[in-house]
């Protein structure tokens, strides 16, 4: 610090609130790296234009609406990050930054149009315009950005000047066919929460180098299945996010052509019913996310995948002539969430005991599910007795259980599972009495359904002493009860 002229890198530490004066960087002519990401910036000082050797500028959340014109004099600038800034426009001569390769304008919601000169940033490899729902002029710029490898348009507004700016959270992109026809080197494309994207199928056909594709919550209704057929031809794809699609009912068998796929995210596709058998042929698949796929037949999950790839979802399988099931594979696994389905395939209570579920203290959410009316090898009560959860769980779901009695740990649930916040008991046809769930001191949500044998809910629900507060919102009324009984319960 004794010689500012020789300073090469400068980073402001967290909590710095000093105002940058107009001549703040004047002595530091050799500065290559300037990081202002951890301090509060009112505006960039004009002296920044004197840093002719600057390569890296990280200046997010600028509070002023103006970016000084002199920033375009930084002819050696390679990296520029202005995310979250209140700026209303970029300098008209931004195209003078001929060496710029990385530009982050995410959450710069005040910018309404990219300057005409933006298309001159021909070395740009990384462009982030996520959550910039008002920016227009992008389609013209993309035509010239042939070296682009990373493009993030997540929650972006309309591309194309003929459309009015979309001020809503989820925007639509206009016709991509022309705008992205030259982006053949693209490796990362994020279109999450984009509701309309004309020409995307044709565009994907040219993106042969694409490794990451995020279509989360995008393209609401329409030919989504046909789009997935196009996606299945992206032979270099390693990550595919299709989560939060209400209209996604099934996945084409052609998805198995993605031989390099490492991660497939289908979480919260609430209407997804089954997975294609071809997923089992993707040897590179390590992570498959199906959390929140409420209608998914878990038996269609890939059977030859590593258990770590499928967690938190575990499907119990047993082959012909085998004396045990695959439940033992859970012995050394300690997930935070765990859903065990098709428990009717457990061959002995000893198998359930062997995984020592109660010792898996990392589990916070647990679902235990049998298939209703399926053949059992062991009585459900014996299996459930050995699947006592750890006392760390906060959410417990029990589905398809086909016995009229519960093991002791469930009948003393308040003692064994004191931290439970939510209980789901669904499709228990033989159950004619509920465990004392009302004793749970922290219970905030209770769902009871498909329990037609229940005829009354009396003081036994509270175990003789009422614990649920009147403000907890719990209404223990199972659907499917005769109307008279339901009225009596509500009264």
Protein backbone atom coordinates (compact mmCIF):
# COMPACT_ATOMS: atom_id res chain seq x y z
CA UNK A 1 0.00 0.00 0.00
CA UNK A 2 3.04 2.27 0.11
CA UNK A 3 3.04 2.42 -3.69
CA UNK A 4 -0.47 2.61 -5.16
CA UNK A 5 0.95 2.72 -8.65
CA UNK A 6 2.14 -0.90 -8.29
CA UNK A 7 -1.17 -2.22 -6.88
CA UNK A 8 -2.46 -5.09 -9.03
CA UNK A 9 -5.54 -6.37 -7.12
CA UNK A 10 -7.91 -4.64 -4.72
CA UNK A 11 -10.81 -6.14 -2.81
CA UNK A 12 -13.08 -4.26 -0.39
CA UNK A 13 -13.97 -6.34 2.65
CA UNK A 14 -17.46 -7.05 3.90
CA UNK A 15 -19.06 -4.17 5.79
CA UNK A 16 -17.17 -1.38 4.05
CA UNK A 17 -19.49 1.63 3.82
CA UNK A 18 -17.04 4.34 2.81
CA UNK A 19 -18.12 6.42 -0.16
CA UNK A 20 -15.88 6.04 -3.19
CA UNK A 21 -14.71 9.48 -4.21
CA UNK A 22 -14.33 10.65 -7.77
CA UNK A 23 -10.57 10.09 -7.64
CA UNK A 24 -10.73 6.87 -5.65
CA UNK A 25 -8.63 4.77 -8.05
CA UNK A 26 -6.57 7.47 -9.74
CA UNK A 27 -3.24 6.39 -8.20
CA UNK A 28 -3.74 2.69 -9.01
CA UNK A 29 -2.99 2.71 -12.72
CA UNK A 30 -1.71 -0.88 -12.75
CA UNK A 31 -4.86 -2.39 -11.21
CA UNK A 32 -5.95 -5.63 -12.91
CA UNK A 33 -8.57 -6.86 -10.42
CA UNK A 34 -11.16 -4.73 -8.60
CA UNK A 35 -13.71 -6.51 -6.37
CA UNK A 36 -16.43 -4.33 -4.80
CA UNK A 37 -18.85 -7.20 -4.18
CA UNK A 38 -18.78 -6.97 -0.38
CA UNK A 39 -19.27 -3.25 0.08
CA UNK A 40 -22.16 -0.87 -0.43
CA UNK A 41 -21.75 1.05 -3.69
CA UNK A 42 -23.71 4.22 -4.35
CA UNK A 43 -22.13 4.76 -7.76
CA UNK A 44 -18.95 3.96 -9.66
CA UNK A 45 -16.54 6.93 -9.60
CA UNK A 46 -15.41 8.50 -12.87
CA UNK A 47 -11.82 7.68 -12.00
CA UNK A 48 -12.53 4.04 -12.81
CA UNK A 49 -12.07 4.92 -16.47
CA UNK A 50 -8.37 5.52 -15.79
CA UNK A 51 -7.73 1.86 -14.92
CA UNK A 52 -6.60 0.98 -18.43
CA UNK A 53 -5.12 -2.36 -17.31
CA UNK A 54 -8.27 -3.57 -15.50
CA UNK A 55 -9.33 -7.09 -16.48
CA UNK A 56 -11.82 -7.96 -13.73
CA UNK A 57 -14.55 -5.69 -12.28
CA UNK A 58 -17.08 -7.06 -9.81
CA UNK A 59 -19.46 -4.25 -8.79
CA UNK A 60 -22.93 -5.64 -7.96
CA UNK A 61 -25.90 -3.79 -6.47
CA UNK A 62 -24.92 -0.31 -7.58
CA UNK A 63 -27.57 2.01 -6.16
CA UNK A 64 -27.22 4.81 -8.70
CA UNK A 65 -29.10 4.58 -12.00
CA UNK A 66 -26.11 5.63 -14.07
CA UNK A 67 -23.07 3.63 -15.13
CA UNK A 68 -20.38 6.17 -16.02
CA UNK A 69 -19.63 6.35 -19.72
CA UNK A 70 -15.93 6.13 -18.96
CA UNK A 71 -16.29 2.42 -18.13
CA UNK A 72 -16.24 1.77 -21.88
CA UNK A 73 -12.63 3.04 -21.92
CA UNK A 74 -11.54 -0.12 -20.08
CA UNK A 75 -10.35 -1.73 -23.28
CA UNK A 76 -8.73 -4.70 -21.49
CA UNK A 77 -11.81 -5.61 -19.42
CA UNK A 78 -12.65 -9.32 -19.62
CA UNK A 79 -15.04 -9.81 -16.67
CA UNK A 80 -17.89 -7.43 -15.66
CA UNK A 81 -20.48 -8.23 -12.99
CA UNK A 82 -23.22 -5.66 -12.24
CA UNK A 83 -25.91 -8.01 -10.96
CA UNK A 84 -28.68 -6.63 -8.76
CA UNK A 85 -27.89 -3.02 -9.62
CA UNK A 86 -30.47 -0.22 -9.87
CA UNK A 87 -29.01 1.01 -13.15
CA UNK A 88 -31.54 2.06 -15.80
CA UNK A 89 -29.29 1.76 -18.85
CA UNK A 90 -25.91 0.60 -20.07
CA UNK A 91 -23.55 3.10 -21.74
CA UNK A 92 -24.42 3.43 -25.44
CA UNK A 93 -20.83 2.64 -26.39
CA UNK A 94 -20.69 -0.61 -24.35
CA UNK A 95 -19.64 -2.35 -27.56
CA UNK A 96 -16.17 -0.79 -27.23
CA UNK A 97 -15.30 -3.44 -24.64
CA UNK A 98 -13.98 -5.71 -27.38
CA UNK A 99 -12.26 -8.15 -24.99
CA UNK A 100 -15.26 -8.68 -22.68
CA UNK A 101 -15.99 -12.38 -22.21
CA UNK A 102 -18.15 -12.48 -19.05
CA UNK A 103 -21.14 -10.17 -18.40
CA UNK A 104 -23.61 -10.60 -15.54
CA UNK A 105 -26.67 -8.31 -15.59
CA UNK A 106 -28.98 -10.59 -13.61
CA UNK A 107 -31.65 -8.83 -11.53
CA UNK A 108 -30.93 -5.50 -13.21
CA UNK A 109 -34.64 -4.90 -13.61
CA UNK A 110 -34.33 -1.22 -14.41
CA UNK A 111 -32.67 -1.78 -17.79
CA UNK A 112 -35.27 -1.59 -20.55
CA UNK A 113 -33.13 -1.99 -23.65
CA UNK A 114 -29.69 -3.18 -24.67
CA UNK A 115 -27.71 -0.59 -26.65
CA UNK A 116 -27.26 -1.15 -30.37
CA UNK A 117 -23.50 -1.48 -29.86
CA UNK A 118 -24.05 -4.49 -27.57
CA UNK A 119 -23.85 -6.77 -30.61
CA UNK A 120 -20.18 -5.78 -30.98
CA UNK A 121 -19.22 -7.78 -27.87
CA UNK A 122 -18.27 -10.64 -30.15
CA UNK A 123 -15.93 -12.31 -27.66
CA UNK A 124 -18.68 -12.70 -25.08
CA UNK A 125 -18.76 -16.28 -23.78
CA UNK A 126 -20.94 -15.83 -20.67
CA UNK A 127 -24.15 -13.73 -20.61
CA UNK A 128 -26.56 -13.70 -17.67
CA UNK A 129 -29.84 -11.80 -18.17
CA UNK A 130 -31.87 -13.77 -15.63
CA UNK A 131 -34.77 -11.99 -13.96
CA UNK A 132 -34.51 -9.06 -16.37
CA UNK A 133 -38.12 -9.06 -17.49
CA UNK A 134 -38.05 -5.63 -19.14
CA UNK A 135 -35.00 -5.76 -21.41
CA UNK A 136 -35.58 -5.62 -25.16
CA UNK A 137 -33.10 -5.61 -28.00
CA UNK A 138 -31.65 -9.00 -27.08
CA UNK A 139 -32.58 -10.84 -30.28
CA UNK A 140 -30.51 -8.49 -32.44
CA UNK A 141 -27.52 -8.84 -30.11
CA UNK A 142 -27.57 -12.64 -29.96
CA UNK A 143 -27.16 -12.83 -33.72
CA UNK A 144 -23.56 -11.63 -33.46
CA UNK A 145 -22.53 -13.42 -30.26
CA UNK A 146 -21.32 -16.58 -31.97
CA UNK A 147 -18.78 -17.43 -29.24
CA UNK A 148 -21.40 -17.57 -26.50
CA UNK A 149 -21.12 -20.71 -24.34
CA UNK A 150 -23.29 -19.75 -21.33
CA UNK A 151 -26.70 -18.06 -21.73
CA UNK A 152 -29.07 -17.50 -18.81
CA UNK A 153 -32.52 -16.12 -19.64
CA UNK A 154 -34.24 -17.51 -16.55
CA UNK A 155 -37.44 -15.59 -15.63
CA UNK A 156 -36.74 -13.35 -18.59
CA UNK A 157 -39.20 -11.15 -20.48
CA UNK A 158 -39.91 -11.03 -24.21
CA UNK A 159 -37.18 -11.04 -26.82
CA UNK A 160 -38.14 -8.92 -29.77
CA UNK A 161 -38.94 -5.23 -29.98
CA UNK A 162 -42.44 -5.81 -31.39
CA UNK A 163 -43.59 -7.11 -28.04
CA UNK A 164 -44.32 -4.90 -25.08
CA UNK A 165 -42.12 -5.31 -22.02
CA UNK A 166 -43.43 -7.92 -19.65
CA UNK A 167 -43.41 -6.70 -16.07
CA UNK A 168 -44.67 -9.96 -14.56
CA UNK A 169 -42.42 -12.42 -12.83
CA UNK A 170 -42.64 -14.98 -15.61
CA UNK A 171 -42.16 -13.66 -19.09
CA UNK A 172 -42.12 -15.13 -22.56
CA UNK A 173 -39.38 -15.21 -25.17
CA UNK A 174 -40.25 -14.47 -28.75
CA UNK A 175 -39.04 -16.37 -31.81
CA UNK A 176 -35.62 -17.85 -31.04
CA UNK A 177 -34.97 -19.42 -34.41
CA UNK A 178 -33.18 -16.40 -35.89
CA UNK A 179 -31.78 -14.98 -32.68
CA UNK A 180 -30.00 -18.17 -31.64
CA UNK A 181 -29.29 -19.77 -34.98
CA UNK A 182 -25.58 -18.97 -34.72
CA UNK A 183 -25.03 -20.07 -31.13
CA UNK A 184 -23.78 -23.51 -32.09
CA UNK A 185 -21.10 -23.47 -29.38
CA UNK A 186 -23.59 -23.01 -26.55
CA UNK A 187 -22.95 -25.37 -23.62
CA UNK A 188 -25.25 -23.88 -20.94
CA UNK A 189 -28.82 -22.71 -21.55
CA UNK A 190 -31.18 -21.68 -18.77
CA UNK A 191 -34.79 -20.96 -19.78
CA UNK A 192 -36.42 -21.69 -16.42
CA UNK A 193 -39.83 -20.09 -15.89
CA UNK A 194 -40.14 -18.87 -19.45
CA UNK A 195 -43.75 -19.49 -20.45
CA UNK A 196 -43.52 -19.03 -24.20
CA UNK A 197 -40.56 -19.76 -26.40
CA UNK A 198 -41.30 -19.89 -30.14
CA UNK A 199 -38.95 -22.01 -32.22
CA UNK A 200 -37.18 -23.71 -29.33
CA UNK A 201 -37.40 -27.15 -30.95
CA UNK A 202 -35.58 -25.93 -34.06
CA UNK A 203 -32.99 -24.13 -31.91
CA UNK A 204 -32.20 -27.22 -29.84
CA UNK A 205 -31.47 -29.16 -33.00
CA UNK A 206 -28.42 -26.95 -33.59
CA UNK A 207 -27.07 -27.01 -30.04
CA UNK A 208 -25.03 -30.17 -30.39
CA UNK A 209 -22.50 -29.09 -27.72
CA UNK A 210 -25.11 -28.32 -25.06
CA UNK A 211 -24.21 -29.88 -21.69
CA UNK A 212 -26.62 -28.06 -19.33
CA UNK A 213 -30.31 -27.38 -20.08
CA UNK A 214 -32.73 -25.91 -17.57
CA UNK A 215 -36.41 -25.83 -18.57
CA UNK A 216 -37.77 -25.68 -15.03
CA UNK A 217 -41.39 -24.51 -14.98
CA UNK A 218 -41.14 -23.34 -18.59
CA UNK A 219 -43.46 -23.61 -21.58
CA UNK A 220 -46.66 -24.21 -19.67
CA UNK A 221 -49.04 -26.13 -21.97
CA UNK A 222 -48.33 -27.24 -25.50
CA UNK A 223 -46.21 -29.75 -27.43
CA UNK A 224 -43.88 -30.42 -24.52
CA UNK A 225 -43.61 -34.14 -25.29
CA UNK A 226 -42.42 -33.29 -28.82
CA UNK A 227 -39.89 -30.88 -27.33
CA UNK A 228 -38.50 -33.67 -25.15
CA UNK A 229 -38.01 -35.78 -28.28
CA UNK A 230 -35.72 -33.00 -29.55
CA UNK A 231 -33.96 -32.81 -26.20
CA UNK A 232 -33.29 -36.54 -26.43
CA UNK A 233 -31.06 -35.90 -29.44
CA UNK A 234 -28.65 -33.66 -27.48
CA UNK A 235 -25.96 -36.30 -27.18
CA UNK A 236 -23.61 -34.13 -25.07
CA UNK A 237 -26.21 -33.28 -22.42
CA UNK A 238 -25.08 -33.93 -18.84
CA UNK A 239 -27.70 -31.97 -16.82
CA UNK A 240 -31.41 -31.70 -17.59
CA UNK A 241 -33.92 -29.86 -15.39
CA UNK A 242 -37.60 -30.43 -16.19
CA UNK A 243 -38.90 -29.76 -12.68
CA UNK A 244 -42.16 -28.00 -11.74
CA UNK A 245 -44.04 -28.93 -14.92
CA UNK A 246 -47.74 -29.38 -14.22
CA UNK A 247 -48.43 -30.63 -17.75
CA UNK A 248 -45.72 -33.27 -17.82
CA UNK A 249 -47.42 -36.68 -17.66
CA UNK A 250 -44.76 -38.96 -19.10
CA UNK A 251 -41.22 -38.99 -20.46
CA UNK A 252 -40.43 -40.40 -23.93
CA UNK A 253 -38.40 -43.60 -24.18
CA UNK A 254 -35.94 -41.68 -26.36
CA UNK A 255 -34.57 -40.01 -23.21
CA UNK A 256 -32.42 -43.12 -22.93
CA UNK A 257 -30.34 -41.77 -25.84
CA UNK A 258 -28.72 -39.24 -23.48
CA UNK A 259 -25.78 -41.50 -22.67
CA UNK A 260 -23.79 -38.75 -20.91
CA UNK A 261 -26.65 -37.58 -18.67
CA UNK A 262 -25.49 -37.23 -15.07
CA UNK A 263 -28.45 -35.41 -13.47
CA UNK A 264 -32.16 -35.49 -14.29
CA UNK A 265 -34.41 -33.25 -12.19
CA UNK A 266 -38.14 -34.06 -12.38
CA UNK A 267 -39.02 -32.79 -8.91
CA UNK A 268 -42.49 -31.34 -8.32
CA UNK A 269 -43.90 -32.58 -11.63
CA UNK A 270 -47.11 -33.32 -9.78
CA UNK A 271 -48.84 -35.10 -12.69
CA UNK A 272 -45.92 -37.24 -13.83
CA UNK A 273 -47.17 -40.83 -13.72
CA UNK A 274 -44.32 -43.04 -14.87
CA UNK A 275 -40.71 -43.12 -16.02
CA UNK A 276 -39.46 -44.86 -19.18
CA UNK A 277 -37.57 -48.13 -18.86
CA UNK A 278 -34.81 -46.64 -21.03
CA UNK A 279 -33.55 -44.61 -18.04
CA UNK A 280 -31.98 -47.80 -16.73
CA UNK A 281 -29.72 -47.84 -19.78
CA UNK A 282 -28.07 -44.51 -18.91
CA UNK A 283 -25.01 -45.71 -17.00
CA UNK A 284 -23.77 -42.18 -16.36
CA UNK A 285 -26.94 -41.18 -14.46
CA UNK A 286 -25.97 -40.34 -10.87
CA UNK A 287 -28.78 -38.11 -9.63
CA UNK A 288 -32.49 -38.53 -10.31
CA UNK A 289 -34.78 -36.12 -8.46
CA UNK A 290 -38.50 -36.97 -8.24
CA UNK A 291 -39.44 -35.26 -4.96
CA UNK A 292 -42.99 -33.93 -5.13
CA UNK A 293 -44.03 -36.23 -8.01
CA UNK A 294 -47.21 -37.18 -6.21
CA UNK A 295 -48.66 -39.44 -8.93
CA UNK A 296 -45.43 -41.16 -9.95
CA UNK A 297 -45.47 -44.96 -9.92
CA UNK A 298 -42.28 -45.51 -7.93
CA UNK A 299 -41.96 -49.01 -9.36
CA UNK A 300 -40.89 -47.39 -12.67
CA UNK A 301 -37.77 -45.91 -11.09
CA UNK A 302 -34.60 -47.38 -12.66
CA UNK A 303 -33.83 -50.69 -10.95
CA UNK A 304 -30.18 -51.02 -11.85
CA UNK A 305 -29.12 -47.59 -10.62
CA UNK A 306 -26.92 -47.00 -7.63
CA UNK A 307 -29.05 -46.44 -4.55
CA UNK A 308 -27.34 -43.07 -4.06
CA UNK A 309 -28.67 -41.93 -7.43
CA UNK A 310 -32.27 -42.60 -6.47
CA UNK A 311 -32.33 -41.38 -2.88
CA UNK A 312 -34.44 -40.08 -1.27
CA UNK A 313 -36.67 -42.55 -3.17
CA UNK A 314 -36.11 -46.22 -2.50
CA UNK A 315 -38.25 -48.93 -4.08
CA UNK A 316 -38.18 -52.37 -2.45
CA UNK A 317 -37.67 -55.08 -5.08
CA UNK A 318 -37.43 -58.85 -4.86
CA UNK A 319 -36.65 -61.30 -7.64
CA UNK A 320 -38.12 -64.75 -8.24
CA UNK A 321 -36.65 -67.32 -5.89
CA UNK A 322 -34.74 -64.76 -3.83
CA UNK A 323 -34.90 -65.16 -0.08
CA UNK A 324 -34.55 -61.45 0.64
CA UNK A 325 -35.28 -58.05 -0.83
CA UNK A 326 -32.95 -55.17 -1.63
CA UNK A 327 -33.90 -53.29 1.56
CA UNK A 328 -30.48 -54.07 3.06
CA UNK A 329 -28.93 -51.54 0.65
CA UNK A 330 -30.13 -48.82 3.02
CA UNK A 331 -27.93 -50.03 5.88
CA UNK A 332 -25.11 -47.53 5.36
CA UNK A 333 -27.15 -44.68 3.87
CA UNK A 334 -27.97 -41.57 5.89
CA UNK A 335 -30.14 -39.22 3.81
CA UNK A 336 -32.06 -36.19 5.05
CA UNK A 337 -35.20 -37.29 3.21
CA UNK A 338 -36.20 -40.92 2.74
CA UNK A 339 -39.20 -42.44 0.94
CA UNK A 340 -39.45 -46.24 1.02
CA UNK A 341 -42.15 -47.65 -1.24
CA UNK A 342 -43.45 -51.16 -2.07
CA UNK A 343 -42.74 -52.43 1.43
CA UNK A 344 -44.92 -55.43 0.62
CA UNK A 345 -41.81 -56.89 -1.04
CA UNK A 346 -39.90 -57.14 2.26
CA UNK A 347 -39.28 -60.86 2.81
CA UNK A 348 -38.81 -60.80 6.60
CA UNK A 349 -39.08 -58.47 9.59
CA UNK A 350 -35.39 -59.11 10.18
CA UNK A 351 -34.59 -57.28 6.92
CA UNK A 352 -36.36 -54.20 8.21
CA UNK A 353 -34.58 -54.43 11.56
CA UNK A 354 -31.18 -54.76 9.91
CA UNK A 355 -31.20 -51.25 8.37
CA UNK A 356 -31.43 -49.68 11.88
CA UNK A 357 -33.69 -46.88 10.78
CA UNK A 358 -33.93 -45.42 14.30
CA UNK A 359 -30.18 -44.75 14.26
CA UNK A 360 -30.25 -42.66 11.08
CA UNK A 361 -30.30 -39.35 12.91
CA UNK A 362 -29.91 -37.31 9.70
CA UNK A 363 -33.46 -38.11 8.54
CA UNK A 364 -35.96 -35.27 8.89
CA UNK A 365 -38.65 -36.45 6.45
CA UNK A 366 -39.76 -40.08 6.20
CA UNK A 367 -42.39 -41.82 4.07
CA UNK A 368 -43.22 -45.53 4.45
CA UNK A 369 -45.51 -46.91 1.75
CA UNK A 370 -47.10 -50.22 0.83
CA UNK A 371 -49.06 -50.91 -2.36
CA UNK A 372 -52.70 -51.39 -1.49
CA UNK A 373 -54.10 -54.88 -2.14
CA UNK A 374 -50.67 -56.18 -3.23
CA UNK A 375 -49.49 -59.58 -1.99
CA UNK A 376 -47.47 -59.40 1.24
CA UNK A 377 -44.63 -61.67 2.33
CA UNK A 378 -44.78 -60.36 5.91
CA UNK A 379 -47.59 -58.82 7.92
CA UNK A 380 -47.46 -55.02 7.70
CA UNK A 381 -47.43 -54.66 11.49
CA UNK A 382 -44.25 -56.74 11.85
CA UNK A 383 -42.45 -54.69 9.22
CA UNK A 384 -43.58 -51.34 10.63
CA UNK A 385 -42.53 -52.38 14.14
CA UNK A 386 -38.92 -52.68 12.93
CA UNK A 387 -39.04 -49.41 11.00
CA UNK A 388 -39.22 -47.16 14.00
CA UNK A 389 -38.04 -43.71 12.80
CA UNK A 390 -35.29 -41.68 14.47
CA UNK A 391 -36.48 -39.02 16.91
CA UNK A 392 -35.12 -36.34 14.56
CA UNK A 393 -37.93 -36.54 12.00
CA UNK A 394 -40.25 -33.62 11.46
CA UNK A 395 -42.47 -35.08 8.72
CA UNK A 396 -43.90 -38.61 8.82
CA UNK A 397 -46.04 -40.18 6.08
CA UNK A 398 -47.63 -43.62 6.26
CA UNK A 399 -49.37 -44.91 3.13
CA UNK A 400 -50.98 -48.20 2.10
CA UNK A 401 -50.60 -49.80 5.53
CA UNK A 402 -53.05 -52.73 5.66
CA UNK A 403 -53.31 -53.69 9.32
CA UNK A 404 -55.84 -52.66 11.94
CA UNK A 405 -53.25 -52.26 14.71
CA UNK A 406 -50.14 -50.13 15.07
CA UNK A 407 -46.79 -50.96 16.71
CA UNK A 408 -46.01 -49.54 20.14
CA UNK A 409 -43.69 -46.79 18.92
CA UNK A 410 -46.58 -45.26 16.93
CA UNK A 411 -49.04 -45.57 19.81
CA UNK A 412 -46.54 -43.62 21.94
CA UNK A 413 -45.67 -41.22 19.15
CA UNK A 414 -45.39 -38.10 21.32
CA UNK A 415 -42.64 -39.73 23.36
CA UNK A 416 -40.79 -41.33 20.47
CA UNK A 417 -41.13 -38.55 17.86
CA UNK A 418 -41.50 -35.27 19.77
CA UNK A 419 -40.31 -33.01 16.93
CA UNK A 420 -42.90 -34.03 14.32
CA UNK A 421 -44.56 -31.06 12.61
CA UNK A 422 -46.57 -32.87 9.95
CA UNK A 423 -48.25 -36.29 9.72
CA UNK A 424 -49.79 -37.88 6.63
CA UNK A 425 -51.84 -41.09 6.96
CA UNK A 426 -53.29 -42.11 3.63
CA UNK A 427 -54.97 -45.17 2.18
CA UNK A 428 -55.13 -47.31 5.35
CA UNK A 429 -58.32 -49.33 4.63
CA UNK A 430 -58.20 -51.63 7.69
CA UNK A 431 -57.38 -48.99 10.28
CA UNK A 432 -60.33 -48.39 12.62
CA UNK A 433 -58.59 -46.32 15.29
CA UNK A 434 -56.04 -43.53 15.06
CA UNK A 435 -52.82 -43.29 17.04
CA UNK A 436 -52.83 -40.50 19.69
CA UNK A 437 -51.57 -37.91 17.22
CA UNK A 438 -53.17 -35.18 19.27
CA UNK A 439 -50.41 -35.66 21.85
CA UNK A 440 -47.72 -34.39 19.48
CA UNK A 441 -46.63 -31.08 21.01
CA UNK A 442 -45.40 -29.47 17.77
CA UNK A 443 -47.91 -30.83 15.25
CA UNK A 444 -49.01 -28.16 12.78
CA UNK A 445 -50.33 -30.14 9.81
CA UNK A 446 -52.34 -33.38 9.70
CA UNK A 447 -53.67 -35.13 6.61
CA UNK A 448 -55.89 -38.20 6.98
CA UNK A 449 -57.41 -39.82 3.89
CA UNK A 450 -58.64 -43.13 2.49
CA UNK A 451 -59.45 -44.59 5.91
CA UNK A 452 -63.02 -45.79 5.45
CA UNK A 453 -62.97 -48.04 8.53
CA UNK A 454 -62.75 -45.05 10.88
CA UNK A 455 -66.17 -44.39 12.41
CA UNK A 456 -65.29 -41.91 15.15
CA UNK A 457 -62.48 -39.78 16.48
CA UNK A 458 -62.84 -39.41 20.23
CA UNK A 459 -60.68 -38.67 23.25
CA UNK A 460 -58.31 -41.48 22.30
CA UNK A 461 -56.99 -39.23 19.56
CA UNK A 462 -55.56 -37.01 22.29
CA UNK A 463 -54.48 -39.92 24.46
CA UNK A 464 -56.70 -38.65 27.25
CA UNK A 465 -55.15 -35.16 27.33
CA UNK A 466 -55.57 -32.51 24.69
CA UNK A 467 -52.29 -31.14 23.33
CA UNK A 468 -53.12 -29.63 19.94
CA UNK A 469 -53.85 -25.94 20.23
CA UNK A 470 -56.98 -24.49 18.65
CA UNK A 471 -54.77 -22.30 16.45
CA UNK A 472 -52.88 -25.20 14.89
CA UNK A 473 -55.36 -25.57 12.03
CA UNK A 474 -55.69 -29.33 12.50
CA UNK A 475 -59.02 -30.80 11.40
CA UNK A 476 -58.83 -34.61 11.78
CA UNK A 477 -61.63 -35.51 9.36
CA UNK A 478 -60.84 -38.41 7.01
CA UNK A 479 -62.48 -38.27 3.61
CA UNK A 480 -64.76 -41.14 2.64
CA UNK A 481 -66.68 -41.16 5.94
CA UNK A 482 -70.48 -41.24 5.97
CA UNK A 483 -71.86 -37.71 6.05
CA UNK A 484 -73.50 -38.17 9.45
CA UNK A 485 -70.25 -39.30 11.06
CA UNK A 486 -68.33 -36.45 9.44
CA UNK A 487 -70.85 -33.92 10.76
CA UNK A 488 -70.59 -35.41 14.25
CA UNK A 489 -66.80 -35.08 14.15
CA UNK A 490 -66.94 -31.46 13.05
CA UNK A 491 -69.39 -30.67 15.83
